[in-house]
Amino acid sequence: MKVENALYPTSDRIADLMANASREPIVMLNLLKFRDKAVYTDGRQSDLTGREAYMLYGLPMQTHVESHGGKMIFIGDIASLVIGEVDEMWDVAALMQYPSPAAFAKIATSPEVAKIGVHRAAGLQGQLLIRVTQRG
């Protein structure tokens, strides 16, 4: 099994979500890996850790998602690996619910999110974002 962290979804994956006509809520599992020290691509100097920089994005993003009908279901630090093997563990796991696939895509590509995204990119080494669906 190949595991590759990334910072952003591909345009094809966003297009698929935007084209999804389902009105059912979706949940996204976020597995986040932070940089030790924030790295801003615009060259600004910073003493922030990756986690601190990411939180300059994460808290406003949560507010933005909630203002569009979504909600934080769970967030927590990853404590240990119990089953399986990975080269490097993620730092945080979070579950966010969105009103629909298209709503997620609209929120994720909004100008408001782009404006704060500089902190996300500075703080994250990478992540996995996994769409999950509830059974029954």
C-alpha atoms as a PDB file:
ATOM      1  CA  MET A   1       0.000   0.000   0.000  1.00  0.00           C
ATOM      2  CA  LYS A   2       1.397   3.349  -1.029  1.00  0.00           C
ATOM      3  CA  VAL A   3       0.795   6.293   1.317  1.00  0.00           C
ATOM      4  CA  GLU A   4       1.637   9.781   0.091  1.00  0.00           C
ATOM      5  CA  ASN A   5       0.855  12.931   2.043  1.00  0.00           C
ATOM      6  CA  ALA A   6      -0.090  15.993   0.000  1.00  0.00           C
ATOM      7  CA  LEU A   7      -1.116  19.588   0.644  1.00  0.00           C
ATOM      8  CA  TYR A   8      -3.991  19.969  -1.820  1.00  0.00           C
ATOM      9  CA  PRO A   9      -6.482  17.791  -3.679  1.00  0.00           C
ATOM     10  CA  THR A  10      -6.127  17.444  -7.424  1.00  0.00           C
ATOM     11  CA  SER A  11      -8.439  19.520  -9.598  1.00  0.00           C
ATOM     12  CA  ASP A  12     -10.075  16.285 -10.836  1.00  0.00           C
ATOM     13  CA  ARG A  13     -11.000  15.281  -7.299  1.00  0.00           C
ATOM     14  CA  ILE A  14     -12.490  18.711  -6.551  1.00  0.00           C
ATOM     15  CA  ALA A  15     -14.429  18.610  -9.843  1.00  0.00           C
ATOM     16  CA  ASP A  16     -15.856  15.193  -8.925  1.00  0.00           C
ATOM     17  CA  LEU A  17     -17.075  16.530  -5.585  1.00  0.00           C
ATOM     18  CA  MET A  18     -18.578  19.649  -7.166  1.00  0.00           C
ATOM     19  CA  ALA A  19     -20.426  17.515  -9.720  1.00  0.00           C
ATOM     20  CA  ASN A  20     -21.824  15.209  -7.028  1.00  0.00           C
ATOM     21  CA  ALA A  21     -25.542  16.042  -6.740  1.00  0.00           C
ATOM     22  CA  SER A  22     -26.004  14.243  -3.421  1.00  0.00           C
ATOM     23  CA  ARG A  23     -27.614  16.328  -0.682  1.00  0.00           C
ATOM     24  CA  GLU A  24     -26.331  13.947   1.999  1.00  0.00           C
ATOM     25  CA  PRO A  25     -23.757  15.211   4.500  1.00  0.00           C
ATOM     26  CA  ILE A  26     -20.217  13.933   4.129  1.00  0.00           C
ATOM     27  CA  VAL A  27     -17.472  13.497   6.689  1.00  0.00           C
ATOM     28  CA  MET A  28     -13.800  14.077   5.964  1.00  0.00           C
ATOM     29  CA  LEU A  29     -11.107  12.333   7.968  1.00  0.00           C
ATOM     30  CA  ASN A  30      -8.078  14.620   8.164  1.00  0.00           C
ATOM     31  CA  LEU A  31      -4.705  13.115   9.056  1.00  0.00           C
ATOM     32  CA  LEU A  32      -2.335  16.029   9.551  1.00  0.00           C
ATOM     33  CA  LYS A  33       1.473  16.034   9.694  1.00  0.00           C
ATOM     34  CA  PHE A  34       3.011  19.336  10.792  1.00  0.00           C
ATOM     35  CA  ARG A  35       6.400  20.781   9.923  1.00  0.00           C
ATOM     36  CA  ASP A  36       8.736  21.254  12.868  1.00  0.00           C
ATOM     37  CA  LYS A  37       9.021  24.945  11.936  1.00  0.00           C
ATOM     38  CA  ALA A  38       6.629  26.925   9.739  1.00  0.00           C
ATOM     39  CA  VAL A  39       7.889  27.686   6.230  1.00  0.00           C
ATOM     40  CA  TYR A  40       6.156  30.510   4.379  1.00  0.00           C
ATOM     41  CA  THR A  41       6.542  30.431   0.593  1.00  0.00           C
ATOM     42  CA  ASP A  42       6.374  34.230   0.431  1.00  0.00           C
ATOM     43  CA  GLY A  43       9.688  34.358   2.309  1.00  0.00           C
ATOM     44  CA  ARG A  44       8.379  35.877   5.527  1.00  0.00           C
ATOM     45  CA  GLN A  45      10.378  35.046   8.605  1.00  0.00           C
ATOM     46  CA  SER A  46       8.573  33.208  11.379  1.00  0.00           C
ATOM     47  CA  ASP A  47       9.367  31.636  14.723  1.00  0.00           C
ATOM     48  CA  LEU A  48       6.116  29.645  14.624  1.00  0.00           C
ATOM     49  CA  THR A  49       6.049  25.880  14.768  1.00  0.00           C
ATOM     50  CA  GLY A  50       4.189  24.138  11.989  1.00  0.00           C
ATOM     51  CA  ARG A  51       1.310  23.407  14.370  1.00  0.00           C
ATOM     52  CA  GLU A  52       1.099  27.066  15.436  1.00  0.00           C
ATOM     53  CA  ALA A  53       1.053  28.263  11.826  1.00  0.00           C
ATOM     54  CA  TYR A  54      -1.582  25.685  10.892  1.00  0.00           C
ATOM     55  CA  MET A  55      -3.824  26.849  13.742  1.00  0.00           C
ATOM     56  CA  LEU A  56      -3.836  30.349  12.205  1.00  0.00           C
ATOM     57  CA  TYR A  57      -5.670  28.555   9.391  1.00  0.00           C
ATOM     58  CA  GLY A  58      -7.467  25.822  11.351  1.00  0.00           C
ATOM     59  CA  LEU A  59      -9.488  27.931  13.774  1.00  0.00           C
ATOM     60  CA  PRO A  60     -10.812  30.390  11.145  1.00  0.00           C
ATOM     61  CA  MET A  61     -11.467  27.437   8.805  1.00  0.00           C
ATOM     62  CA  GLN A  62     -13.575  25.719  11.443  1.00  0.00           C
ATOM     63  CA  THR A  63     -15.592  28.914  11.907  1.00  0.00           C
ATOM     64  CA  HIS A  64     -16.003  29.223   8.124  1.00  0.00           C
ATOM     65  CA  VAL A  65     -17.159  25.602   7.784  1.00  0.00           C
ATOM     66  CA  GLU A  66     -19.633  26.018  10.648  1.00  0.00           C
ATOM     67  CA  SER A  67     -21.026  29.222   9.102  1.00  0.00           C
ATOM     68  CA  HIS A  68     -21.825  27.141   5.994  1.00  0.00           C
ATOM     69  CA  GLY A  69     -23.634  24.338   7.822  1.00  0.00           C
ATOM     70  CA  GLY A  70     -20.715  22.040   8.643  1.00  0.00           C
ATOM     71  CA  LYS A  71     -19.340  21.001  11.998  1.00  0.00           C
ATOM     72  CA  MET A  72     -16.298  19.635  13.768  1.00  0.00           C
ATOM     73  CA  ILE A  73     -17.072  16.119  14.958  1.00  0.00           C
ATOM     74  CA  PHE A  74     -13.726  15.210  16.521  1.00  0.00           C
ATOM     75  CA  ILE A  75     -10.154  16.445  16.784  1.00  0.00           C
ATOM     76  CA  GLY A  76      -7.297  14.878  18.704  1.00  0.00           C
ATOM     77  CA  ASP A  77      -3.579  14.250  18.804  1.00  0.00           C
ATOM     78  CA  ILE A  78      -2.475  10.893  17.448  1.00  0.00           C
ATOM     79  CA  ALA A  79      -1.089   8.949  20.399  1.00  0.00           C
ATOM     80  CA  SER A  80       0.241   5.734  18.880  1.00  0.00           C
ATOM     81  CA  LEU A  81      -0.055   3.204  16.101  1.00  0.00           C
ATOM     82  CA  VAL A  82      -1.818   0.025  17.216  1.00  0.00           C
ATOM     83  CA  ILE A  83      -2.171  -1.983  13.982  1.00  0.00           C
ATOM     84  CA  GLY A  84      -0.047  -1.769  10.858  1.00  0.00           C
ATOM     85  CA  GLU A  85       3.135   0.059   9.936  1.00  0.00           C
ATOM     86  CA  VAL A  86       3.861   3.489   8.486  1.00  0.00           C
ATOM     87  CA  ASP A  87       7.196   5.213   8.039  1.00  0.00           C
ATOM     88  CA  GLU A  88       6.064   8.322   9.888  1.00  0.00           C
ATOM     89  CA  MET A  89       2.978   9.007  12.003  1.00  0.00           C
ATOM     90  CA  TRP A  90       0.633  11.916  11.538  1.00  0.00           C
ATOM     91  CA  ASP A  91       0.243  14.396  14.397  1.00  0.00           C
ATOM     92  CA  VAL A  92      -3.516  15.060  14.464  1.00  0.00           C
ATOM     93  CA  ALA A  93      -6.700  13.322  13.351  1.00  0.00           C
ATOM     94  CA  ALA A  94      -9.878  15.332  12.788  1.00  0.00           C
ATOM     95  CA  LEU A  95     -13.367  14.557  11.510  1.00  0.00           C
ATOM     96  CA  MET A  96     -15.253  17.415   9.839  1.00  0.00           C
ATOM     97  CA  GLN A  97     -18.812  17.115   8.550  1.00  0.00           C
ATOM     98  CA  TYR A  98     -19.979  19.103   5.516  1.00  0.00           C
ATOM     99  CA  PRO A  99     -23.571  19.507   4.274  1.00  0.00           C
ATOM    100  CA  SER A 100     -22.811  17.762   0.950  1.00  0.00           C
ATOM    101  CA  PRO A 101     -19.918  16.889  -1.368  1.00  0.00           C
ATOM    102  CA  ALA A 102     -20.537  20.033  -3.438  1.00  0.00           C
ATOM    103  CA  ALA A 103     -20.680  22.165  -0.275  1.00  0.00           C
ATOM    104  CA  PHE A 104     -17.284  20.824   0.763  1.00  0.00           C
ATOM    105  CA  ALA A 105     -15.795  21.682  -2.640  1.00  0.00           C
ATOM    106  CA  LYS A 106     -17.345  25.163  -2.577  1.00  0.00           C
ATOM    107  CA  ILE A 107     -16.033  25.838   0.935  1.00  0.00           C
ATOM    108  CA  ALA A 108     -12.558  24.458   0.191  1.00  0.00           C
ATOM    109  CA  THR A 109     -12.175  26.586  -2.949  1.00  0.00           C
ATOM    110  CA  SER A 110     -13.680  29.793  -1.552  1.00  0.00           C
ATOM    111  CA  PRO A 111     -11.726  33.081  -1.553  1.00  0.00           C
ATOM    112  CA  GLU A 112     -11.978  33.189   2.246  1.00  0.00           C
ATOM    113  CA  VAL A 113     -10.150  29.873   2.540  1.00  0.00           C
ATOM    114  CA  ALA A 114      -7.563  30.892  -0.061  1.00  0.00           C
ATOM    115  CA  LYS A 115      -6.818  33.998   2.009  1.00  0.00           C
ATOM    116  CA  ILE A 116      -5.938  31.996   5.145  1.00  0.00           C
ATOM    117  CA  GLY A 117      -4.426  29.060   3.250  1.00  0.00           C
ATOM    118  CA  VAL A 118      -0.934  30.543   3.435  1.00  0.00           C
ATOM    119  CA  HIS A 119      -0.800  29.457   7.093  1.00  0.00           C
ATOM    120  CA  ARG A 120      -2.002  25.950   6.225  1.00  0.00           C
ATOM    121  CA  ALA A 121       0.737  25.526   3.639  1.00  0.00           C
ATOM    122  CA  ALA A 122       3.364  26.976   5.995  1.00  0.00           C
ATOM    123  CA  GLY A 123       2.433  24.631   8.811  1.00  0.00           C
ATOM    124  CA  LEU A 124       1.697  21.348   7.073  1.00  0.00           C
ATOM    125  CA  GLN A 125       4.291  18.892   5.937  1.00  0.00           C
ATOM    126  CA  GLY A 126       1.357  17.065   4.352  1.00  0.00           C
ATOM    127  CA  GLN A 127      -1.926  15.333   5.015  1.00  0.00           C
ATOM    128  CA  LEU A 128      -4.334  12.667   3.980  1.00  0.00           C
ATOM    129  CA  LEU A 129      -7.939  13.755   3.490  1.00  0.00           C
ATOM    130  CA  ILE A 130     -10.283  10.794   3.319  1.00  0.00           C
ATOM    131  CA  ARG A 131     -13.988  11.031   2.542  1.00  0.00           C
ATOM    132  CA  VAL A 132     -15.919   8.598   4.717  1.00  0.00           C
ATOM    133  CA  THR A 133     -19.578   7.615   4.624  1.00  0.00           C
ATOM    134  CA  GLN A 134     -21.723   6.358   7.450  1.00  0.00           C
ATOM    135  CA  ARG A 135     -23.253   2.925   7.242  1.00  0.00           C
ATOM    136  CA  GLY A 136     -26.838   2.270   8.231  1.00  0.00           C
END
